[in-house]
Protein backbone atom coordinates (compact mmCIF):
# COMPACT_ATOMS: atom_id res chain seq x y z
CA MET A 1 121.57 -46.72 -24.25
CA LYS A 2 118.30 -48.35 -24.94
CA PHE A 3 120.27 -51.60 -26.19
CA LEU A 4 122.55 -51.31 -23.14
CA LEU A 5 119.66 -51.80 -20.88
CA LYS A 6 118.00 -54.19 -22.35
CA SER A 7 121.18 -56.57 -23.19
CA ASN A 8 122.04 -55.85 -19.06
CA ALA A 9 118.40 -56.83 -17.89
CA LEU A 10 118.41 -60.07 -20.41
CA LEU A 11 121.77 -60.57 -18.96
CA PHE A 12 120.76 -60.99 -15.63
CA ILE A 13 117.45 -62.15 -15.63
CA TYR A 14 119.55 -65.01 -17.60
CA ILE A 15 122.27 -65.92 -15.34
CA PHE A 16 119.42 -65.94 -12.92
CA VAL A 17 117.69 -68.53 -14.52
CA SER A 18 121.08 -70.38 -14.88
CA HIS A 19 121.83 -70.10 -11.17
CA LEU A 20 118.19 -71.25 -10.44
CA ALA A 21 118.31 -74.49 -13.01
CA SER A 22 121.49 -75.51 -12.09
CA ALA A 23 120.44 -75.54 -8.03
CA GLN A 24 120.54 -79.07 -7.47
CA ASN A 25 122.22 -81.01 -3.48
CA ASP A 26 124.83 -83.22 -5.41
CA ALA A 27 124.54 -85.42 -2.86
CA ASP A 28 121.16 -86.66 -3.93
CA LYS A 29 122.61 -88.06 -7.09
CA PRO A 30 125.70 -88.26 -9.56
CA ARG A 31 125.68 -84.93 -11.78
CA TYR A 32 128.44 -84.49 -13.99
CA GLU A 33 129.31 -80.92 -15.93
CA ALA A 34 127.35 -80.67 -19.58
CA HIS A 35 129.13 -77.86 -21.60
CA TRP A 36 125.81 -75.71 -23.12
CA ALA A 37 124.72 -73.28 -20.35
CA GLY A 38 126.82 -70.42 -21.60
CA ILE A 39 126.69 -67.45 -23.54
CA ASP A 40 128.33 -67.34 -27.32
CA MET A 41 129.52 -64.84 -29.42
CA GLY A 42 130.44 -64.76 -33.10
CA VAL A 43 129.90 -64.02 -36.54
CA SER A 44 128.08 -65.85 -39.67
CA ILE A 45 128.45 -66.37 -42.92
CA LEU A 46 125.77 -67.17 -45.39
CA THR A 47 126.44 -69.76 -47.89
CA ASN A 48 124.86 -71.69 -51.05
CA GLU A 49 124.17 -75.26 -51.34
CA GLU A 50 127.85 -76.05 -52.21
CA MET A 51 128.77 -74.71 -49.28
CA GLY A 52 130.52 -71.86 -50.88
CA MET A 53 130.04 -67.98 -50.12
CA GLU A 54 129.03 -66.85 -54.05
CA PHE A 55 125.87 -66.44 -54.91
CA SER A 56 126.11 -65.91 -58.98
CA ASN A 57 122.39 -65.36 -59.52
CA ASN A 58 121.46 -63.48 -55.93
CA GLU A 59 124.34 -61.89 -55.09
CA TYR A 60 122.26 -60.12 -52.36
CA TRP A 61 122.66 -63.06 -50.02
CA GLU A 62 126.15 -62.59 -50.08
CA ASN A 63 125.97 -61.03 -46.81
CA ASP A 64 128.25 -58.69 -44.71
CA ILE A 65 130.28 -60.47 -42.66
CA ALA A 66 131.16 -57.31 -40.21
CA GLN A 67 127.23 -56.51 -39.43
CA SER A 68 126.62 -60.19 -39.28
CA PHE A 69 127.06 -60.99 -35.60
CA PHE A 70 125.25 -63.21 -33.28
CA ILE A 71 125.38 -63.98 -29.52
CA HIS A 72 123.19 -66.87 -27.98
CA PHE A 73 121.99 -66.79 -23.98
CA ASN A 74 121.82 -70.86 -23.24
CA MET A 75 120.08 -70.77 -20.11
CA LEU A 76 119.20 -74.69 -18.80
CA GLU A 77 121.02 -77.65 -19.53
CA TYR A 78 121.66 -81.28 -18.47
CA LYS A 79 124.03 -84.45 -19.24
CA ILE A 80 122.66 -87.55 -19.15
CA PRO A 81 125.56 -90.11 -18.42
CA ILE A 82 126.49 -92.96 -20.52
CA PHE A 83 129.91 -93.96 -19.55
CA LYS A 84 130.83 -92.23 -15.85
CA GLN A 85 132.04 -88.13 -16.19
CA TYR A 86 133.84 -89.10 -19.66
CA LEU A 87 131.02 -89.28 -22.31
CA GLY A 88 126.88 -88.20 -22.02
CA LEU A 89 123.93 -86.69 -24.05
CA THR A 90 123.68 -82.81 -22.96
CA THR A 91 120.75 -81.27 -23.63
CA GLY A 92 119.10 -78.35 -22.64
CA LEU A 93 117.56 -74.89 -23.67
CA GLY A 94 118.91 -71.46 -25.20
CA TRP A 95 117.75 -67.83 -26.77
CA HIS A 96 119.53 -67.42 -30.00
CA MET A 97 119.51 -63.80 -31.57
CA ASN A 98 121.35 -63.81 -35.18
CA ASN A 99 122.04 -61.06 -37.15
CA TYR A 100 122.69 -61.01 -41.13
CA GLY A 101 123.84 -57.76 -42.60
CA PHE A 102 122.87 -57.00 -46.38
CA LYS A 103 125.73 -55.27 -49.06
CA ASP A 104 125.36 -52.53 -51.28
CA ASP A 105 122.85 -51.04 -49.73
CA TYR A 106 120.05 -54.06 -50.79
CA VAL A 107 117.12 -54.02 -48.97
CA LEU A 108 115.13 -56.98 -47.62
CA SER A 109 111.68 -57.88 -49.93
CA TYR A 110 109.11 -60.61 -50.25
CA ASN A 111 105.61 -61.38 -50.91
CA ASP A 112 103.71 -64.73 -50.40
CA SER A 113 105.46 -66.25 -53.33
CA VAL A 114 109.09 -65.11 -53.11
CA VAL A 115 111.58 -63.51 -50.60
CA THR A 116 114.55 -61.45 -52.41
CA ALA A 117 115.85 -58.22 -52.11
CA ASN A 118 116.68 -54.97 -54.26
CA GLN A 119 119.05 -52.33 -54.57
CA ASP A 120 118.11 -48.90 -52.70
CA LEU A 121 120.29 -46.55 -55.62
CA ASN A 122 118.79 -43.54 -53.73
CA GLN A 123 120.07 -44.16 -50.23
CA GLU A 124 122.82 -45.49 -48.59
CA TYR A 125 122.89 -46.90 -44.97
CA ASP A 126 124.90 -47.13 -42.47
CA ARG A 127 123.22 -50.29 -40.43
CA ASN A 128 121.36 -52.57 -42.90
CA TYR A 129 120.41 -56.15 -40.95
CA LEU A 130 117.87 -59.06 -40.86
CA SER A 131 117.55 -60.04 -37.12
CA VAL A 132 116.35 -63.57 -36.13
CA HIS A 133 115.25 -64.56 -32.86
CA TYR A 134 114.69 -68.80 -32.37
CA PHE A 135 114.09 -70.87 -29.23
CA SER A 136 116.84 -73.54 -29.58
CA VAL A 137 117.39 -77.39 -27.76
CA PRO A 138 120.56 -79.34 -28.37
CA LEU A 139 121.36 -83.07 -28.92
CA LEU A 140 125.16 -83.25 -27.88
CA LEU A 141 127.44 -86.18 -27.57
CA ASP A 142 129.68 -84.11 -24.89
CA PHE A 143 132.95 -85.95 -24.05
CA ALA A 144 134.56 -84.52 -21.12
CA THR A 145 137.93 -85.11 -18.94
CA LYS A 146 136.65 -83.80 -15.66
CA LYS A 147 133.25 -84.35 -13.54
CA GLY A 148 133.15 -80.61 -13.26
CA THR A 149 134.69 -77.63 -14.90
CA LYS A 150 138.22 -77.24 -13.42
CA ASN A 151 141.02 -78.29 -15.49
CA SER A 152 138.98 -80.71 -17.96
CA PHE A 153 139.10 -80.93 -21.53
CA TYR A 154 135.76 -80.88 -23.66
CA PHE A 155 134.25 -82.33 -27.24
CA CYS A 156 130.64 -82.01 -28.11
CA ALA A 157 128.91 -83.08 -31.43
CA GLY A 158 125.64 -83.14 -32.34
CA VAL A 159 122.97 -81.19 -33.82
CA VAL A 160 120.95 -77.72 -32.65
CA GLY A 161 117.01 -77.87 -33.14
CA SER A 162 115.14 -74.07 -32.99
CA VAL A 163 112.20 -72.61 -33.31
CA ARG A 164 111.74 -68.98 -34.89
CA ILE A 165 110.24 -66.47 -32.40
CA GLY A 166 110.69 -63.41 -33.99
CA SER A 167 112.47 -61.32 -36.80
CA ARG A 168 112.52 -57.70 -38.02
CA THR A 169 114.63 -55.35 -40.28
CA THR A 170 116.61 -52.60 -39.29
CA LEU A 171 117.71 -49.51 -41.36
CA ARG A 172 119.42 -46.61 -40.01
CA GLY A 173 121.11 -43.83 -42.07
CA LYS A 174 120.68 -39.78 -42.65
CA TYR A 175 118.46 -38.17 -45.67
CA GLU A 176 120.51 -35.58 -47.86
CA ASN A 177 119.34 -33.10 -45.59
CA GLY A 178 121.19 -34.41 -42.80
CA ASP A 179 118.28 -36.04 -40.82
CA LYS A 180 119.10 -39.40 -38.79
CA PHE A 181 116.29 -42.13 -39.60
CA ASN A 182 116.32 -45.82 -38.17
CA ASN A 183 113.52 -47.76 -39.40
CA THR A 184 112.20 -51.33 -38.30
CA ARG A 185 110.08 -54.09 -39.94
CA ARG A 186 108.47 -56.70 -38.08
CA ALA A 187 107.47 -59.74 -40.08
CA LYS A 188 108.21 -63.55 -41.11
CA PHE A 189 110.47 -62.42 -44.35
CA ASN A 190 109.48 -66.58 -45.57
CA LEU A 191 112.10 -67.38 -43.22
CA ASN A 192 111.71 -71.20 -42.29
CA PRO A 193 110.03 -71.82 -38.78
CA ILE A 194 112.30 -74.14 -37.60
CA ALA A 195 115.84 -74.51 -38.19
CA LEU A 196 118.62 -77.33 -37.77
CA ASP A 197 121.77 -76.95 -37.35
CA ALA A 198 125.29 -79.54 -37.35
CA THR A 199 127.52 -78.15 -34.17
CA VAL A 200 130.68 -78.85 -32.54
CA ARG A 201 132.24 -77.33 -29.62
CA MET A 202 134.99 -77.53 -27.86
CA GLY A 203 137.70 -75.75 -24.88
CA TYR A 204 138.88 -75.79 -21.68
CA GLN A 205 137.68 -74.91 -18.88
CA SER A 206 135.00 -72.73 -18.82
CA PHE A 207 136.46 -71.37 -22.23
CA GLY A 208 135.98 -73.00 -25.64
CA LEU A 209 135.37 -72.48 -29.67
CA PHE A 210 132.47 -73.44 -31.68
CA ALA A 211 131.15 -73.56 -34.66
CA THR A 212 127.83 -74.41 -36.31
CA TYR A 213 125.96 -75.05 -39.75
CA GLY A 214 122.85 -75.04 -41.16
CA LEU A 215 121.59 -78.45 -42.27
CA THR A 216 118.00 -75.98 -43.22
CA SER A 217 118.01 -73.24 -45.32
CA LEU A 218 117.65 -69.79 -43.46
CA TYR A 219 114.51 -69.60 -45.76
CA LYS A 220 112.04 -71.79 -47.40
CA ASN A 221 112.82 -74.05 -50.24
CA ASP A 222 110.26 -72.49 -52.87
CA LYS A 223 110.55 -69.00 -51.97
CA THR A 224 114.35 -68.67 -53.40
CA VAL A 225 117.60 -70.49 -53.53
CA GLY A 226 118.73 -72.48 -50.75
CA VAL A 227 120.79 -70.25 -48.19
CA TYR A 228 123.01 -71.94 -45.06
CA PRO A 229 124.45 -70.03 -42.41
CA LEU A 230 127.41 -71.09 -40.97
CA ARG A 231 128.84 -69.57 -37.72
CA PHE A 232 131.62 -69.76 -35.55
CA GLY A 233 132.93 -67.95 -32.54
CA ALA A 234 133.64 -68.27 -28.94
CA THR A 235 131.75 -69.68 -25.99
CA LEU A 236 131.78 -68.78 -22.15
CA ASN A 237 130.76 -71.56 -20.28
CA ILE A 238 128.61 -71.31 -17.07
CA PRO A 239 129.37 -74.31 -14.16
CA SER A 240 125.83 -75.94 -13.46
CA ILE A 241 127.69 -78.43 -10.42
CA GLY A 242 129.81 -77.44 -7.36
CA LYS A 243 132.97 -78.96 -6.52
CA ASP A 244 133.25 -82.34 -5.73
CA LYS A 245 135.79 -83.08 -3.00
CA ASP A 246 136.47 -86.41 -4.06
CA ASP A 247 136.80 -86.01 -7.23
CA GLU A 248 139.07 -83.03 -6.93
CA GLY A 249 142.21 -85.00 -6.93
CA ARG A 250 141.01 -87.20 -10.03
CA SER A 251 143.59 -87.22 -12.95
CA PHE A 252 143.98 -87.69 -16.54
CA GLU A 253 145.43 -91.05 -15.70
CA GLU A 254 142.15 -92.32 -14.03
CA PHE A 255 140.49 -91.06 -17.44
CA GLU A 256 142.79 -93.74 -19.38
CA GLU A 257 142.08 -96.50 -17.00
CA ALA A 258 138.91 -96.20 -17.32
CA ILE A 259 138.85 -96.28 -21.31
CA ASP A 260 140.83 -99.47 -21.02
CA SER A 261 138.16 -100.64 -18.56
CA LEU A 262 135.39 -100.41 -21.27
């Protein structure tokens, strides 16, 4: 219940801030629809330096995908046009919450020199995951077939830089006597304070798909082997500009003519 209340409160604040950020009179200057603001949801897979899913000597980094979900609230966006509405640079701000589940009752452990996970042979866990929160800023090359969202296809590629703002582990389960426990530990866990991800995003109107791959390791380089998150999922875009009556009848043929003239 507390989780639902917190989630609904965050969603309300997010939508309110998004609408405030997008409140601008279109008559003042041309604005074009960016493709960042919205809600991203999906799953994460931890990969090794060769983009494989196996960690032969560090099997505890082979994450439980079912518990490795994420939700991203991308709150602010702005598109700098390069060529009319068709091509531009998009930036913005997001709040990203990423979970990484552990298999086989491995429990995350760290000290000043290393980060690892130890298998707990005396206790089984129903939920066992690491949660990491970031503030994120994208830089995307944003291609779209329309000025606004309606009947528009889009494709974006670029990078997302993030700063870690919090992290914790959660262990949930039952003791032998039937008592339930829910243990949370907040720490830095030798996580990288800065993350850089490559990303692609594509879709139609307000719906799309996306994927990101970590260019930096999840943990500090000298604390363990390289661990690179691969994320993919679906996105619901929130339009940031209103309708422009002059553009409502614009067709894809005009886009082709513009490319020819360019």
